[in-house]
Amino acid sequence: MAVTEEALLARIARGDLVEGPEYATQPYIDALKRTLIVSADTELISAPSYLRAARDAPSINSYISATGIIQDELGHAHIAYRMLRDLGVDTDALVYERDPKDFKHPYAFDVPLDSWTELVVANAFYDRAGFLLLGDIFRHTTYGPWKRALAKVDREENFHLGHGEKWMRTLSQDPKGKTDLQHAVDWMFLLTIEWFGLPDALKRHKEQIGYGLKGYTNDQLRQQWMSTAVPLCQEVGLTVPARHDAEHNEWVITCPFPARFDERQKSPGMTCWCDGSSAGPRTASLSARSSAGTRNWGDTSMRELDAGVVRAALYEILDPEYPVSIVDLGLIRGVEVKGSTVRVRMTYTSMGCPCTEMIQDDIRERLRALPGVGRVEIEVVWEPWTREHISAEGLKQLRGVGVV
């Protein structure tokens, strides 16, 4: 007989573990699959990123330590994929047949690690995030098979974290090492902040907490990460854009964030989607903007100015509330180029959208950077907007972060 939702919730309330799919409802299984896929993909994708940087290891012993960490990450991925296979997922298709852009992992792993310094900061930052996320699941999850499997993972992630902390303390003793550390921290700190996913106010899928698959919310885990990562940086004399607000007992990001990320320079740009003036991580939309990644629309700097070039540039502008470009979201209703003047017709998801000026400022800044553009005119047309206006690519991106 199929398990009812009432019986499942009663089981969870008693503190009894769910020992397999036969003891769960389909919504529980679907939520578990989503959680496992993100975990498995993140562990798998970390391996090539770490291996690239391990080539810069200062000694053979250091290289062996790094490869040991890589082996651990692949083992962690195997555990999560095995859990998915037990839930009826074709994991061979999941790993070998998916389009690479469909893998679910933090945006940070889209940015290559190029040096030993970046590798150890990744251990101290990224593995700290992994340790918190998986440690939370290990201690609180209601799914018994995963809880038991994570006992080994929890210990190994703690080792990775310790490896990063040890090396950060060592490198900080040398002036050049400290300078390199600071440069790595400058770009990796914010990318790890977005690691924990959408802010609680924007998260649509609530089943992880409701079904007890995890114990803490995204914002709570983000706060836990900052509570140890910031003091570590302060201990070794590095600066980070965060401080502790004693009055509200929370950690506050002190720079404009989220910010567009320059992958070539490995630095956050100055254009951002929020003013960064409010306290606390709840004020930032975090990974919704960062984790959507970037499209490669080609170099438009040498192309003749036309509507196609303008539209390609507009794909780079993400909506402030959703991780989708304003084109894929269906806000752009027309583009016209006359000489050096560009006219953009656009609408919004609602007449009360609080981000109207922010989006228009982003449009003007991006288009004025195009060669040949002298004037940018924006016409707002209040045409009806519905979900049907979102492109297939936009829907896929929204589903990837749990918004729809």
Protein backbone atom coordinates (compact mmCIF):
# COMPACT_ATOMS: atom_id res chain seq x y z
CA MET A 1 0.00 0.00 0.00
CA ALA A 2 1.31 3.43 -0.94
CA VAL A 3 2.54 5.65 1.86
CA THR A 4 0.32 8.66 2.48
CA GLU A 5 1.62 12.15 3.16
CA GLU A 6 -0.01 12.04 6.59
CA ALA A 7 1.76 8.79 7.48
CA LEU A 8 5.11 10.09 6.24
CA LEU A 9 4.87 13.30 8.26
CA ALA A 10 3.84 11.33 11.33
CA ARG A 11 6.90 9.09 10.88
CA ILE A 12 9.15 12.13 10.63
CA ALA A 13 7.52 13.73 13.69
CA ARG A 14 8.27 10.59 15.71
CA GLY A 15 11.92 10.84 14.77
CA ASP A 16 11.89 7.64 12.72
CA LEU A 17 14.16 7.59 9.68
CA VAL A 18 12.90 6.97 6.16
CA GLU A 19 14.83 3.86 5.16
CA GLY A 20 14.01 3.75 1.46
CA PRO A 21 11.66 5.04 -1.25
CA GLU A 22 9.03 2.48 -0.28
CA TYR A 23 8.56 4.38 3.00
CA ALA A 24 8.15 7.79 1.34
CA THR A 25 5.76 9.74 -0.84
CA GLN A 26 6.64 10.93 -4.32
CA PRO A 27 7.05 14.60 -3.26
CA TYR A 28 9.56 13.48 -0.60
CA ILE A 29 11.46 11.40 -3.15
CA ASP A 30 11.47 14.27 -5.67
CA ALA A 31 12.85 16.68 -3.05
CA LEU A 32 15.49 14.13 -2.05
CA LYS A 33 16.53 13.65 -5.69
CA ARG A 34 16.95 17.41 -6.18
CA THR A 35 19.15 17.62 -3.08
CA LEU A 36 21.24 14.61 -4.07
CA ILE A 37 21.82 15.81 -7.64
CA VAL A 38 23.20 19.15 -6.45
CA SER A 39 25.44 17.38 -3.93
CA ALA A 40 26.69 14.77 -6.42
CA ASP A 41 27.32 17.27 -9.23
CA THR A 42 29.17 19.68 -6.93
CA GLU A 43 31.50 16.96 -5.64
CA LEU A 44 32.16 15.65 -9.16
CA ILE A 45 32.84 19.05 -10.72
CA SER A 46 35.24 20.02 -7.92
CA ALA A 47 37.70 17.29 -8.94
CA PRO A 48 38.96 18.74 -12.25
CA SER A 49 39.05 22.22 -10.74
CA TYR A 50 41.23 21.05 -7.85
CA LEU A 51 43.44 18.93 -10.10
CA ARG A 52 44.22 21.92 -12.31
CA ALA A 53 45.51 23.89 -9.32
CA ALA A 54 47.31 20.90 -7.76
CA ARG A 55 49.87 21.08 -10.56
CA ASP A 56 51.20 24.19 -8.81
CA ALA A 57 51.86 22.31 -5.55
CA PRO A 58 55.10 23.44 -3.84
CA SER A 59 56.28 19.87 -3.12
CA ILE A 60 55.53 16.26 -3.94
CA ASN A 61 54.01 15.80 -0.48
CA SER A 62 51.68 18.74 -1.09
CA TYR A 63 50.68 17.29 -4.44
CA ILE A 64 49.89 13.95 -2.81
CA SER A 65 47.71 15.71 -0.22
CA ALA A 66 45.84 17.52 -3.00
CA THR A 67 45.25 14.36 -5.00
CA GLY A 68 44.01 12.68 -1.84
CA ILE A 69 41.44 15.43 -1.47
CA ILE A 70 40.44 15.00 -5.12
CA GLN A 71 39.99 11.27 -4.59
CA ASP A 72 37.76 12.03 -1.59
CA GLU A 73 35.59 14.40 -3.65
CA LEU A 74 35.07 11.77 -6.34
CA GLY A 75 34.16 9.27 -3.64
CA HIS A 76 31.62 11.70 -2.20
CA ALA A 77 30.09 12.15 -5.66
CA HIS A 78 29.88 8.37 -6.04
CA ILE A 79 27.96 8.10 -2.76
CA ALA A 80 25.35 10.65 -3.83
CA TYR A 81 24.97 9.16 -7.33
CA ARG A 82 24.57 5.71 -5.76
CA MET A 83 21.75 7.07 -3.60
CA LEU A 84 20.12 8.43 -6.74
CA ARG A 85 20.43 5.05 -8.45
CA ASP A 86 18.66 3.46 -5.50
CA LEU A 87 15.85 5.96 -6.10
CA GLY A 88 15.46 4.78 -9.68
CA VAL A 89 17.53 7.45 -11.41
CA ASP A 90 19.58 6.43 -14.47
CA THR A 91 22.90 7.72 -13.15
CA ASP A 92 24.84 6.72 -16.27
CA ALA A 93 22.63 9.04 -18.30
CA LEU A 94 22.86 11.66 -15.56
CA VAL A 95 26.67 11.71 -15.65
CA TYR A 96 27.50 10.90 -19.27
CA GLU A 97 24.57 12.12 -21.35
CA ARG A 98 23.59 15.44 -19.79
CA ASP A 99 24.58 18.70 -21.42
CA PRO A 100 27.46 20.12 -19.30
CA LYS A 101 25.51 23.30 -18.60
CA ASP A 102 22.75 21.23 -17.01
CA PHE A 103 24.95 20.07 -14.13
CA LYS A 104 23.85 21.59 -10.81
CA HIS A 105 26.78 23.07 -8.93
CA PRO A 106 27.83 26.43 -7.47
CA TYR A 107 28.97 29.06 -9.93
CA ALA A 108 32.37 29.11 -8.21
CA PHE A 109 33.42 25.93 -10.01
CA ASP A 110 32.88 27.62 -13.37
CA VAL A 111 35.93 29.76 -12.53
CA PRO A 112 39.22 27.84 -12.89
CA LEU A 113 41.61 27.50 -9.97
CA ASP A 114 45.07 28.32 -11.33
CA SER A 115 47.45 28.18 -8.38
CA TRP A 116 48.27 26.43 -5.14
CA THR A 117 47.13 29.53 -3.26
CA GLU A 118 43.73 29.39 -4.91
CA LEU A 119 43.48 25.68 -4.17
CA VAL A 120 44.08 26.11 -0.44
CA VAL A 121 41.64 29.03 -0.27
CA ALA A 122 39.14 26.76 -2.02
CA ASN A 123 39.75 24.18 0.71
CA ALA A 124 39.23 26.82 3.40
CA PHE A 125 36.21 28.43 1.71
CA TYR A 126 34.49 25.96 -0.62
CA ASP A 127 35.12 22.88 1.54
CA ARG A 128 33.97 24.85 4.57
CA ALA A 129 30.70 25.42 2.72
CA GLY A 130 30.53 21.74 1.79
CA PHE A 131 31.34 20.72 5.36
CA LEU A 132 28.49 22.87 6.68
CA LEU A 133 25.97 21.77 4.06
CA LEU A 134 26.70 18.05 4.29
CA GLY A 135 27.27 18.21 8.02
CA ASP A 136 23.82 19.71 8.42
CA ILE A 137 22.34 16.88 6.35
CA PHE A 138 24.39 14.27 8.24
CA ARG A 139 23.05 15.44 11.57
CA HIS A 140 19.47 16.25 10.61
CA THR A 141 18.36 14.34 7.53
CA THR A 142 15.38 12.02 7.84
CA TYR A 143 16.67 9.77 5.04
CA GLY A 144 18.50 6.95 6.78
CA PRO A 145 20.71 5.60 3.96
CA TRP A 146 22.21 9.01 3.26
CA LYS A 147 22.66 9.80 6.93
CA ARG A 148 24.79 6.69 7.41
CA ALA A 149 26.77 7.24 4.20
CA LEU A 150 27.65 10.81 5.23
CA ALA A 151 29.52 9.73 8.36
CA LYS A 152 32.64 9.14 6.24
CA VAL A 153 32.05 12.25 4.11
CA ASP A 154 31.75 14.49 7.17
CA ARG A 155 35.17 13.43 8.49
CA GLU A 156 36.87 13.85 5.12
CA GLU A 157 35.39 17.29 4.46
CA ASN A 158 36.69 18.34 7.87
CA PHE A 159 40.18 17.24 6.77
CA HIS A 160 39.90 19.29 3.55
CA LEU A 161 38.87 22.32 5.56
CA GLY A 162 41.78 21.86 7.96
CA HIS A 163 44.19 21.53 5.05
CA GLY A 164 43.09 24.91 3.70
CA GLU A 165 43.29 26.63 7.08
CA LYS A 166 46.78 25.26 7.75
CA TRP A 167 48.09 26.45 4.39
CA MET A 168 46.48 29.87 4.66
CA ARG A 169 48.25 30.37 7.99
CA THR A 170 51.53 29.20 6.44
CA LEU A 171 51.33 31.35 3.31
CA SER A 172 50.33 34.44 5.27
CA GLN A 173 53.75 34.46 6.99
CA ASP A 174 55.46 35.47 3.72
CA PRO A 175 54.74 38.94 2.23
CA LYS A 176 54.27 37.62 -1.30
CA GLY A 177 52.25 34.68 -0.07
CA LYS A 178 50.01 37.04 1.85
CA THR A 179 49.51 39.24 -1.21
CA ASP A 180 48.55 36.21 -3.29
CA LEU A 181 46.21 35.05 -0.56
CA GLN A 182 44.48 38.42 -0.46
CA HIS A 183 43.94 38.40 -4.21
CA ALA A 184 42.41 34.91 -4.03
CA VAL A 185 40.22 35.86 -1.08
CA ASP A 186 39.04 39.00 -2.89
CA TRP A 187 37.21 36.98 -5.54
CA MET A 188 36.59 33.66 -3.81
CA PHE A 189 34.89 35.09 -0.72
CA LEU A 190 31.88 36.43 -2.59
CA LEU A 191 31.60 33.36 -4.79
CA THR A 192 31.36 31.23 -1.66
CA ILE A 193 28.72 33.54 -0.18
CA GLU A 194 26.46 32.64 -3.11
CA TRP A 195 27.25 28.93 -2.68
CA PHE A 196 24.37 28.37 -0.27
CA GLY A 197 21.68 29.14 -2.82
CA LEU A 198 18.74 31.49 -2.94
CA PRO A 199 17.93 33.63 0.09
CA ASP A 200 15.14 32.16 2.18
CA ALA A 201 12.69 34.83 1.01
CA LEU A 202 13.14 33.79 -2.64
CA LYS A 203 13.37 30.04 -2.24
CA ARG A 204 10.32 28.30 -3.70
CA HIS A 205 11.03 24.67 -2.81
CA LYS A 206 10.51 24.36 0.95
CA GLU A 207 10.48 20.56 1.11
CA GLN A 208 14.08 20.24 2.33
CA ILE A 209 13.11 21.77 5.66
CA GLY A 210 9.52 20.52 5.68
CA TYR A 211 10.59 16.90 5.15
CA GLY A 212 13.60 17.19 7.42
CA LEU A 213 16.10 16.52 4.64
CA LYS A 214 18.21 19.29 6.19
CA GLY A 215 18.05 21.21 9.43
CA TYR A 216 19.07 24.75 8.56
CA THR A 217 17.88 27.21 5.92
CA ASN A 218 20.12 28.72 3.26
CA ASP A 219 20.51 31.99 5.15
CA GLN A 220 21.27 30.22 8.44
CA LEU A 221 24.02 28.17 6.78
CA ARG A 222 25.40 31.29 5.12
CA GLN A 223 25.63 32.94 8.53
CA GLN A 224 27.39 29.88 9.97
CA TRP A 225 29.93 29.99 7.14
CA MET A 226 30.75 33.65 7.71
CA SER A 227 31.00 33.12 11.47
CA THR A 228 34.14 31.00 10.96
CA ALA A 229 35.48 32.11 7.56
CA VAL A 230 35.68 35.81 8.47
CA PRO A 231 37.57 35.26 11.77
CA LEU A 232 40.02 32.97 9.93
CA CYS A 233 40.82 35.72 7.43
CA GLN A 234 41.12 38.29 10.18
CA GLU A 235 43.47 35.99 12.09
CA VAL A 236 45.93 35.83 9.19
CA GLY A 237 45.68 39.56 8.41
CA LEU A 238 43.42 39.41 5.36
CA THR A 239 40.54 41.78 4.68
CA VAL A 240 37.10 40.62 3.64
CA PRO A 241 33.93 42.59 2.86
CA ALA A 242 32.03 41.44 5.93
CA ARG A 243 31.63 42.40 9.57
CA HIS A 244 29.68 41.26 12.59
CA ASP A 245 26.64 43.32 13.59
CA ALA A 246 26.56 42.83 17.34
CA GLU A 247 23.20 44.55 17.74
CA HIS A 248 21.41 42.06 15.49
CA ASN A 249 23.92 39.24 16.08
CA GLU A 250 24.42 38.61 12.39
CA TRP A 251 27.17 38.84 9.81
CA VAL A 252 26.81 41.63 7.28
CA ILE A 253 28.25 41.89 3.77
CA THR A 254 29.82 45.34 3.51
CA CYS A 255 30.25 45.64 -0.26
CA PRO A 256 27.73 45.95 -3.08
CA PHE A 257 26.53 42.42 -3.68
CA PRO A 258 25.66 40.54 -5.80
CA ALA A 259 28.07 41.95 -8.35
CA ARG A 260 28.85 40.96 -11.89
CA PHE A 261 31.95 38.80 -11.92
CA ASP A 262 34.84 39.34 -14.33
CA GLU A 263 36.09 35.81 -14.96
CA ARG A 264 39.20 36.96 -16.83
CA GLN A 265 40.38 39.28 -14.07
CA LYS A 266 38.90 37.14 -11.28
CA SER A 267 37.33 40.12 -9.61
CA PRO A 268 33.81 41.34 -8.87
CA GLY A 269 32.80 44.26 -11.07
CA MET A 270 31.39 47.50 -9.75
CA THR A 271 27.94 47.09 -11.31
CA CYS A 272 25.60 45.31 -8.95
CA TRP A 273 21.93 44.54 -8.50
CA CYS A 274 21.52 45.84 -4.97
CA ASP A 275 22.92 48.85 -3.18
CA GLY A 276 24.51 46.74 -0.43
CA SER A 277 23.55 49.30 2.19
CA SER A 278 21.16 47.16 4.20
CA ALA A 279 22.41 44.86 6.92
CA GLY A 280 22.48 41.11 6.68
CA PRO A 281 22.53 38.50 3.98
CA ARG A 282 18.74 38.60 3.70
CA THR A 283 19.09 41.87 1.76
CA ALA A 284 21.10 40.27 -1.04
CA SER A 285 19.64 38.09 -3.77
CA LEU A 286 22.88 36.16 -3.72
CA SER A 287 23.11 33.14 -5.94
CA ALA A 288 20.04 33.97 -7.99
CA ARG A 289 22.19 36.35 -10.00
CA SER A 290 25.58 34.76 -9.75
CA SER A 291 24.84 31.11 -10.25
CA ALA A 292 23.01 31.69 -13.53
CA GLY A 293 26.47 32.03 -15.08
CA THR A 294 27.20 33.87 -18.31
CA ARG A 295 26.39 33.27 -21.94
CA ASN A 296 29.08 33.31 -24.57
CA TRP A 297 27.55 35.52 -27.20
CA GLY A 298 30.86 36.25 -28.90
CA ASP A 299 32.94 39.40 -28.93
CA THR A 300 30.65 42.26 -29.97
CA SER A 301 33.34 44.92 -29.70
CA MET A 302 34.30 44.70 -33.38
CA ARG A 303 30.86 43.93 -34.83
CA GLU A 304 28.80 46.51 -36.66
CA LEU A 305 26.16 48.00 -34.40
CA ASP A 306 22.76 46.52 -35.12
CA ALA A 307 19.74 45.17 -33.25
CA GLY A 308 21.35 41.73 -32.98
CA VAL A 309 24.43 43.12 -31.24
CA VAL A 310 22.23 45.11 -28.85
CA ARG A 311 20.06 42.10 -28.03
CA ALA A 312 23.15 39.96 -27.42
CA ALA A 313 24.40 42.54 -24.92
CA LEU A 314 21.02 42.58 -23.18
CA TYR A 315 21.34 38.84 -22.55
CA GLU A 316 24.15 39.73 -20.12
CA ILE A 317 21.77 41.64 -17.85
CA LEU A 318 20.07 39.47 -15.25
CA ASP A 319 16.83 40.38 -13.58
CA PRO A 320 17.39 41.57 -9.97
CA GLU A 321 14.86 39.12 -8.54
CA TYR A 322 15.30 36.03 -10.73
CA PRO A 323 18.44 34.31 -12.10
CA VAL A 324 17.47 34.90 -15.73
CA SER A 325 18.46 37.48 -18.33
CA ILE A 326 15.89 40.17 -18.99
CA VAL A 327 15.63 38.83 -22.55
CA ASP A 328 14.92 35.24 -21.50
CA LEU A 329 12.48 36.55 -18.89
CA GLY A 330 10.49 38.19 -21.69
CA LEU A 331 10.93 41.81 -20.58
CA ILE A 332 12.45 43.06 -23.84
CA ARG A 333 9.71 43.77 -26.39
CA GLY A 334 11.73 45.47 -29.09
CA VAL A 335 15.16 46.80 -30.08
CA GLU A 336 15.81 49.48 -32.69
CA VAL A 337 19.06 51.05 -33.83
CA LYS A 338 19.15 54.37 -35.71
CA GLY A 339 22.64 55.73 -36.22
CA SER A 340 24.20 55.99 -32.79
CA THR A 341 20.86 55.88 -30.96
CA VAL A 342 19.55 52.65 -29.48
CA ARG A 343 15.91 52.36 -28.50
CA VAL A 344 14.75 49.56 -26.23
CA ARG A 345 11.09 48.75 -25.62
CA MET A 346 10.51 46.80 -22.44
CA THR A 347 7.96 45.82 -19.85
CA TYR A 348 8.11 44.47 -16.30
CA THR A 349 6.67 41.50 -14.47
CA SER A 350 4.38 43.84 -12.53
CA MET A 351 3.58 47.54 -12.38
CA GLY A 352 4.81 47.61 -8.80
CA CYS A 353 8.22 46.10 -9.61
CA PRO A 354 10.73 47.74 -7.21
CA CYS A 355 13.65 47.18 -9.59
CA THR A 356 12.53 49.30 -12.55
CA GLU A 357 15.21 51.97 -12.20
CA MET A 358 17.88 49.40 -11.38
CA ILE A 359 17.20 47.42 -14.55
CA GLN A 360 17.13 50.54 -16.70
CA ASP A 361 20.43 51.73 -15.25
CA ASP A 362 21.98 48.33 -16.07
CA ILE A 363 20.66 48.53 -19.63
CA ARG A 364 22.06 52.02 -20.18
CA GLU A 365 25.45 51.13 -18.73
CA ARG A 366 25.81 47.94 -20.78
CA LEU A 367 24.65 49.45 -24.06
CA ARG A 368 26.73 52.61 -23.73
CA ALA A 369 29.78 50.35 -23.53
CA LEU A 370 29.07 49.11 -27.07
CA PRO A 371 31.16 50.79 -29.78
CA GLY A 372 29.09 53.26 -31.77
CA VAL A 373 26.38 53.84 -29.16
CA GLY A 374 25.85 57.50 -28.35
CA ARG A 375 22.39 57.53 -26.85
CA VAL A 376 20.20 54.92 -25.16
CA GLU A 377 16.45 55.45 -25.00
CA ILE A 378 14.20 53.15 -22.99
CA GLU A 379 10.47 53.01 -23.55
CA VAL A 380 8.45 51.19 -20.91
CA VAL A 381 5.31 49.61 -22.33
CA TRP A 382 2.92 48.08 -19.83
CA GLU A 383 2.04 45.06 -21.89
CA PRO A 384 0.68 42.01 -20.04
CA TRP A 385 3.46 39.73 -18.81
CA THR A 386 2.93 36.08 -17.87
CA ARG A 387 5.08 33.01 -17.37
CA GLU A 388 4.48 32.15 -21.04
CA HIS A 389 6.82 35.01 -21.99
CA ILE A 390 9.79 33.24 -20.36
CA SER A 391 11.99 31.44 -22.89
CA ALA A 392 12.78 27.73 -22.67
CA GLU A 393 16.31 28.62 -21.55
CA GLY A 394 14.92 30.93 -18.88
CA LEU A 395 12.60 28.26 -17.52
CA LYS A 396 15.48 25.80 -17.36
CA GLN A 397 17.62 28.26 -15.39
CA LEU A 398 14.79 28.98 -12.97
CA ARG A 399 14.16 25.30 -12.40
CA GLY A 400 17.88 24.80 -11.81
CA VAL A 401 17.80 27.06 -8.75
CA GLY A 402 14.38 25.93 -7.53
CA VAL A 403 12.41 29.05 -8.44
CA VAL A 404 9.74 27.32 -10.58
